[in-house]
Amino acid sequence: MIQDTSGDVIFKVTFKAIACAPIDNEVLDGVVTEVNSTGIYVQSGPIKAFISMGRADYKYDQNSN
């Protein structure tokens, strides 16, 4: 359909999409992208997450690999 006032063309479109929408408490595999004294940054596909060190039982060692 062509809009009379603007000349825009409108098409009906049908599509299917795959979306990444994890649910609460779902476990995902990820890659650690950064480590610092406050926690770690992890990437799992399109999802970037920060895991705070405040709830962990480990200590940050800046001299470690």
PDB file of N, CA and C in Angstrom:
ATOM      1  N   MET A   1       0.843  -1.156   0.000  1.00  0.00           N
ATOM      2  CA  MET A   1       0.000   0.000   0.000  1.00  0.00           C
ATOM      3  C   MET A   1       0.905   1.242   0.000  1.00  0.00           C
ATOM      4  N   ILE A   2       0.567   2.232  -0.760  1.00  0.00           N
ATOM      5  CA  ILE A   2       1.320   3.487  -0.834  1.00  0.00           C
ATOM      6  C   ILE A   2       0.535   4.567  -0.093  1.00  0.00           C
ATOM      7  N   GLN A   3       1.220   5.251   0.827  1.00  0.00           N
ATOM      8  CA  GLN A   3       0.601   6.342   1.583  1.00  0.00           C
ATOM      9  C   GLN A   3       0.403   7.543   0.658  1.00  0.00           C
ATOM     10  N   ASP A   4      -0.819   8.095   0.632  1.00  0.00           N
ATOM     11  CA  ASP A   4      -1.125   9.232  -0.239  1.00  0.00           C
ATOM     12  C   ASP A   4      -0.337  10.482   0.141  1.00  0.00           C
ATOM     13  N   THR A   5      -0.200  10.710   1.438  1.00  0.00           N
ATOM     14  CA  THR A   5       0.396  11.975   1.887  1.00  0.00           C
ATOM     15  C   THR A   5       1.916  11.994   1.837  1.00  0.00           C
ATOM     16  N   SER A   6       2.558  10.828   2.044  1.00  0.00           N
ATOM     17  CA  SER A   6       4.023  10.826   2.126  1.00  0.00           C
ATOM     18  C   SER A   6       4.702  10.045   0.998  1.00  0.00           C
ATOM     19  N   GLY A   7       3.981   9.162   0.356  1.00  0.00           N
ATOM     20  CA  GLY A   7       4.590   8.317  -0.665  1.00  0.00           C
ATOM     21  C   GLY A   7       5.286   7.093  -0.093  1.00  0.00           C
ATOM     22  N   ASP A   8       5.212   6.929   1.225  1.00  0.00           N
ATOM     23  CA  ASP A   8       5.805   5.753   1.856  1.00  0.00           C
ATOM     24  C   ASP A   8       5.075   4.496   1.411  1.00  0.00           C
ATOM     25  N   VAL A   9       5.823   3.395   1.310  1.00  0.00           N
ATOM     26  CA  VAL A   9       5.238   2.110   0.943  1.00  0.00           C
ATOM     27  C   VAL A   9       5.175   1.246   2.186  1.00  0.00           C
ATOM     28  N   ILE A  10       4.022   0.645   2.444  1.00  0.00           N
ATOM     29  CA  ILE A  10       3.830  -0.201   3.610  1.00  0.00           C
ATOM     30  C   ILE A  10       3.623  -1.633   3.142  1.00  0.00           C
ATOM     31  N   PHE A  11       4.407  -2.555   3.727  1.00  0.00           N
ATOM     32  CA  PHE A  11       4.316  -3.971   3.386  1.00  0.00           C
ATOM     33  C   PHE A  11       3.878  -4.750   4.616  1.00  0.00           C
ATOM     34  N   LYS A  12       3.081  -5.804   4.432  1.00  0.00           N
ATOM     35  CA  LYS A  12       2.796  -6.755   5.494  1.00  0.00           C
ATOM     36  C   LYS A  12       3.958  -7.730   5.527  1.00  0.00           C
ATOM     37  N   VAL A  13       4.482  -7.979   6.702  1.00  0.00           N
ATOM     38  CA  VAL A  13       5.645  -8.852   6.845  1.00  0.00           C
ATOM     39  C   VAL A  13       5.363  -9.853   7.947  1.00  0.00           C
ATOM     40  N   THR A  14       5.730 -11.107   7.706  1.00  0.00           N
ATOM     41  CA  THR A  14       5.663 -12.147   8.715  1.00  0.00           C
ATOM     42  C   THR A  14       7.062 -12.717   8.871  1.00  0.00           C
ATOM     43  N   PHE A  15       7.509 -12.889  10.117  1.00  0.00           N
ATOM     44  CA  PHE A  15       8.851 -13.425  10.343  1.00  0.00           C
ATOM     45  C   PHE A  15       8.888 -14.203  11.646  1.00  0.00           C
ATOM     46  N   LYS A  16       9.909 -15.038  11.775  1.00  0.00           N
ATOM     47  CA  LYS A  16      10.180 -15.763  13.010  1.00  0.00           C
ATOM     48  C   LYS A  16      11.544 -15.315  13.490  1.00  0.00           C
ATOM     49  N   ALA A  17      11.719 -15.203  14.802  1.00  0.00           N
ATOM     50  CA  ALA A  17      12.992 -14.766  15.369  1.00  0.00           C
ATOM     51  C   ALA A  17      13.407 -15.684  16.506  1.00  0.00           C
ATOM     52  N   ILE A  18      14.687 -15.886  16.632  1.00  0.00           N
ATOM     53  CA  ILE A  18      15.238 -16.618  17.766  1.00  0.00           C
ATOM     54  C   ILE A  18      15.781 -15.568  18.725  1.00  0.00           C
ATOM     55  N   ALA A  19      15.284 -15.581  19.949  1.00  0.00           N
ATOM     56  CA  ALA A  19      15.695 -14.576  20.929  1.00  0.00           C
ATOM     57  C   ALA A  19      16.405 -15.247  22.097  1.00  0.00           C
ATOM     58  N   CYS A  20      17.331 -14.543  22.665  1.00  0.00           N
ATOM     59  CA  CYS A  20      18.046 -15.036  23.843  1.00  0.00           C
ATOM     60  C   CYS A  20      17.443 -14.342  25.060  1.00  0.00           C
ATOM     61  N   ALA A  21      16.658 -15.070  25.820  1.00  0.00           N
ATOM     62  CA  ALA A  21      16.010 -14.510  27.002  1.00  0.00           C
ATOM     63  C   ALA A  21      16.111 -15.508  28.147  1.00  0.00           C
ATOM     64  N   PRO A  22      17.240 -15.497  28.858  1.00  0.00           N
ATOM     65  CA  PRO A  22      17.397 -16.457  29.957  1.00  0.00           C
ATOM     66  C   PRO A  22      16.387 -16.199  31.072  1.00  0.00           C
ATOM     67  N   ILE A  23      16.023 -17.260  31.755  1.00  0.00           N
ATOM     68  CA  ILE A  23      15.079 -17.143  32.865  1.00  0.00           C
ATOM     69  C   ILE A  23      15.847 -17.016  34.174  1.00  0.00           C
ATOM     70  N   ASP A  24      15.162 -16.625  35.237  1.00  0.00           N
ATOM     71  CA  ASP A  24      15.806 -16.490  36.549  1.00  0.00           C
ATOM     72  C   ASP A  24      16.473 -17.788  36.966  1.00  0.00           C
ATOM     73  N   ASN A  25      17.670 -17.680  37.509  1.00  0.00           N
ATOM     74  CA  ASN A  25      18.466 -18.796  38.031  1.00  0.00           C
ATOM     75  C   ASN A  25      18.916 -19.789  36.970  1.00  0.00           C
ATOM     76  N   GLU A  26      18.811 -19.425  35.702  1.00  0.00           N
ATOM     77  CA  GLU A  26      19.316 -20.290  34.640  1.00  0.00           C
ATOM     78  C   GLU A  26      20.839 -20.219  34.622  1.00  0.00           C
ATOM     79  N   VAL A  27      21.495 -21.359  34.418  1.00  0.00           N
ATOM     80  CA  VAL A  27      22.947 -21.415  34.368  1.00  0.00           C
ATOM     81  C   VAL A  27      23.380 -21.343  32.910  1.00  0.00           C
ATOM     82  N   LEU A  28      24.294 -20.405  32.609  1.00  0.00           N
ATOM     83  CA  LEU A  28      24.800 -20.237  31.254  1.00  0.00           C
ATOM     84  C   LEU A  28      26.308 -20.431  31.244  1.00  0.00           C
ATOM     85  N   ASP A  29      26.853 -20.978  30.154  1.00  0.00           N
ATOM     86  CA  ASP A  29      28.290 -21.025  29.960  1.00  0.00           C
ATOM     87  C   ASP A  29      28.734 -19.654  29.496  1.00  0.00           C
ATOM     88  N   GLY A  30      29.894 -19.217  29.961  1.00  0.00           N
ATOM     89  CA  GLY A  30      30.368 -17.904  29.558  1.00  0.00           C
ATOM     90  C   GLY A  30      31.882 -17.830  29.580  1.00  0.00           C
ATOM     91  N   VAL A  31      32.392 -16.732  29.051  1.00  0.00           N
ATOM     92  CA  VAL A  31      33.827 -16.474  29.009  1.00  0.00           C
ATOM     93  C   VAL A  31      34.114 -15.281  29.921  1.00  0.00           C
ATOM     94  N   VAL A  32      35.076 -15.443  30.815  1.00  0.00           N
ATOM     95  CA  VAL A  32      35.478 -14.341  31.681  1.00  0.00           C
ATOM     96  C   VAL A  32      36.247 -13.338  30.830  1.00  0.00           C
ATOM     97  N   THR A  33      35.765 -12.097  30.782  1.00  0.00           N
ATOM     98  CA  THR A  33      36.398 -11.078  29.944  1.00  0.00           C
ATOM     99  C   THR A  33      37.231 -10.087  30.745  1.00  0.00           C
ATOM    100  N   GLU A  34      36.955  -9.983  32.037  1.00  0.00           N
ATOM    101  CA  GLU A  34      37.725  -9.060  32.877  1.00  0.00           C
ATOM    102  C   GLU A  34      37.618  -9.494  34.331  1.00  0.00           C
ATOM    103  N   VAL A  35      38.716  -9.328  35.064  1.00  0.00           N
ATOM    104  CA  VAL A  35      38.740  -9.622  36.496  1.00  0.00           C
ATOM    105  C   VAL A  35      39.317  -8.403  37.192  1.00  0.00           C
ATOM    106  N   ASN A  36      38.645  -7.945  38.242  1.00  0.00           N
ATOM    107  CA  ASN A  36      39.200  -6.847  39.038  1.00  0.00           C
ATOM    108  C   ASN A  36      38.853  -7.079  40.501  1.00  0.00           C
ATOM    109  N   SER A  37      39.198  -6.146  41.350  1.00  0.00           N
ATOM    110  CA  SER A  37      39.027  -6.338  42.794  1.00  0.00           C
ATOM    111  C   SER A  37      37.564  -6.357  43.236  1.00  0.00           C
ATOM    112  N   THR A  38      36.636  -5.896  42.403  1.00  0.00           N
ATOM    113  CA  THR A  38      35.224  -5.885  42.790  1.00  0.00           C
ATOM    114  C   THR A  38      34.446  -7.085  42.275  1.00  0.00           C
ATOM    115  N   GLY A  39      34.989  -7.810  41.291  1.00  0.00           N
ATOM    116  CA  GLY A  39      34.296  -8.977  40.749  1.00  0.00           C
ATOM    117  C   GLY A  39      34.806  -9.341  39.369  1.00  0.00           C
ATOM    118  N   ILE A  40      33.991 -10.096  38.630  1.00  0.00           N
ATOM    119  CA  ILE A  40      34.375 -10.522  37.287  1.00  0.00           C
ATOM    120  C   ILE A  40      33.283 -10.162  36.284  1.00  0.00           C
ATOM    121  N   TYR A  41      33.710  -9.924  35.053  1.00  0.00           N
ATOM    122  CA  TYR A  41      32.790  -9.680  33.942  1.00  0.00           C
ATOM    123  C   TYR A  41      32.793 -10.924  33.070  1.00  0.00           C
ATOM    124  N   VAL A  42      31.602 -11.384  32.694  1.00  0.00           N
ATOM    125  CA  VAL A  42      31.445 -12.613  31.918  1.00  0.00           C
ATOM    126  C   VAL A  42      30.583 -12.322  30.700  1.00  0.00           C
ATOM    127  N   GLN A  43      30.937 -12.930  29.566  1.00  0.00           N
ATOM    128  CA  GLN A  43      30.114 -12.796  28.357  1.00  0.00           C
ATOM    129  C   GLN A  43      29.640 -14.181  27.943  1.00  0.00           C
ATOM    130  N   SER A  44      28.336 -14.298  27.733  1.00  0.00           N
ATOM    131  CA  SER A  44      27.717 -15.538  27.272  1.00  0.00           C
ATOM    132  C   SER A  44      26.837 -15.190  26.077  1.00  0.00           C
ATOM    133  N   GLY A  45      27.384 -15.347  24.877  1.00  0.00           N
ATOM    134  CA  GLY A  45      26.663 -14.940  23.682  1.00  0.00           C
ATOM    135  C   GLY A  45      26.452 -13.441  23.709  1.00  0.00           C
ATOM    136  N   PRO A  46      25.227 -12.970  23.523  1.00  0.00           N
ATOM    137  CA  PRO A  46      24.978 -11.529  23.526  1.00  0.00           C
ATOM    138  C   PRO A  46      24.853 -10.931  24.930  1.00  0.00           C
ATOM    139  N   ILE A  47      24.922 -11.779  25.955  1.00  0.00           N
ATOM    140  CA  ILE A  47      24.704 -11.322  27.326  1.00  0.00           C
ATOM    141  C   ILE A  47      26.034 -11.024  28.002  1.00  0.00           C
ATOM    142  N   LYS A  48      26.147  -9.811  28.557  1.00  0.00           N
ATOM    143  CA  LYS A  48      27.308  -9.429  29.355  1.00  0.00           C
ATOM    144  C   LYS A  48      26.847  -9.319  30.795  1.00  0.00           C
ATOM    145  N   ALA A  49      27.591  -9.938  31.713  1.00  0.00           N
ATOM    146  CA  ALA A  49      27.176  -9.949  33.111  1.00  0.00           C
ATOM    147  C   ALA A  49      28.348  -9.596  34.021  1.00  0.00           C
ATOM    148  N   PHE A  50      28.022  -9.043  35.176  1.00  0.00           N
ATOM    149  CA  PHE A  50      29.015  -8.759  36.216  1.00  0.00           C
ATOM    150  C   PHE A  50      28.674  -9.613  37.422  1.00  0.00           C
ATOM    151  N   ILE A  51      29.652 -10.339  37.925  1.00  0.00           N
ATOM    152  CA  ILE A  51      29.462 -11.162  39.119  1.00  0.00           C
ATOM    153  C   ILE A  51      30.283 -10.522  40.229  1.00  0.00           C
ATOM    154  N   SER A  52      29.592 -10.020  41.224  1.00  0.00           N
ATOM    155  CA  SER A  52      30.234  -9.295  42.311  1.00  0.00           C
ATOM    156  C   SER A  52      31.017 -10.237  43.207  1.00  0.00           C
ATOM    157  N   MET A  53      32.167  -9.768  43.673  1.00  0.00           N
ATOM    158  CA  MET A  53      32.982 -10.555  44.583  1.00  0.00           C
ATOM    159  C   MET A  53      32.417 -10.510  45.999  1.00  0.00           C
ATOM    160  N   GLY A  54      31.470  -9.625  46.249  1.00  0.00           N
ATOM    161  CA  GLY A  54      30.884  -9.486  47.575  1.00  0.00           C
ATOM    162  C   GLY A  54      30.214 -10.742  48.085  1.00  0.00           C
ATOM    163  N   ARG A  55      29.759 -11.622  47.199  1.00  0.00           N
ATOM    164  CA  ARG A  55      29.060 -12.841  47.619  1.00  0.00           C
ATOM    165  C   ARG A  55      29.928 -14.091  47.447  1.00  0.00           C
ATOM    166  N   ALA A  56      31.181 -13.922  47.069  1.00  0.00           N
ATOM    167  CA  ALA A  56      32.031 -15.078  46.793  1.00  0.00           C
ATOM    168  C   ALA A  56      33.004 -15.334  47.942  1.00  0.00           C
ATOM    169  N   ASP A  57      33.473 -16.572  48.007  1.00  0.00           N
ATOM    170  CA  ASP A  57      34.440 -16.971  49.035  1.00  0.00           C
ATOM    171  C   ASP A  57      35.847 -17.065  48.447  1.00  0.00           C
ATOM    172  N   TYR A  58      36.235 -16.118  47.608  1.00  0.00           N
ATOM    173  CA  TYR A  58      37.568 -16.114  47.040  1.00  0.00           C
ATOM    174  C   TYR A  58      38.183 -14.733  47.197  1.00  0.00           C
ATOM    175  N   LYS A  59      39.488 -14.658  47.048  1.00  0.00           N
ATOM    176  CA  LYS A  59      40.180 -13.376  47.185  1.00  0.00           C
ATOM    177  C   LYS A  59      40.845 -13.005  45.876  1.00  0.00           C
ATOM    178  N   TYR A  60      40.859 -11.735  45.588  1.00  0.00           N
ATOM    179  CA  TYR A  60      41.468 -11.215  44.361  1.00  0.00           C
ATOM    180  C   TYR A  60      42.973 -11.119  44.531  1.00  0.00           C
ATOM    181  N   ASP A  61      43.734 -11.690  43.590  1.00  0.00           N
ATOM    182  CA  ASP A  61      45.194 -11.622  43.587  1.00  0.00           C
ATOM    183  C   ASP A  61      45.633 -10.999  42.258  1.00  0.00           C
ATOM    184  N   GLN A  62      46.008  -9.737  42.271  1.00  0.00           N
ATOM    185  CA  GLN A  62      46.341  -9.053  41.025  1.00  0.00           C
ATOM    186  C   GLN A  62      47.612  -9.595  40.384  1.00  0.00           C
ATOM    187  N   ASN A  63      48.415 -10.355  41.097  1.00  0.00           N
ATOM    188  CA  ASN A  63      49.647 -10.930  40.549  1.00  0.00           C
ATOM    189  C   ASN A  63      49.421 -12.300  39.902  1.00  0.00           C
ATOM    190  N   SER A  64      48.217 -12.816  40.032  1.00  0.00           N
ATOM    191  CA  SER A  64      47.892 -14.126  39.467  1.00  0.00           C
ATOM    192  C   SER A  64      47.585 -13.994  37.991  1.00  0.00           C
ATOM    193  N   ASN A  65      47.636 -15.116  37.257  1.00  0.00           N
ATOM    194  CA  ASN A  65      47.305 -15.119  35.822  1.00  0.00           C
ATOM    195  C   ASN A  65      45.841 -14.932  35.654  1.00  0.00           C
TER     196      ASN A  65
END
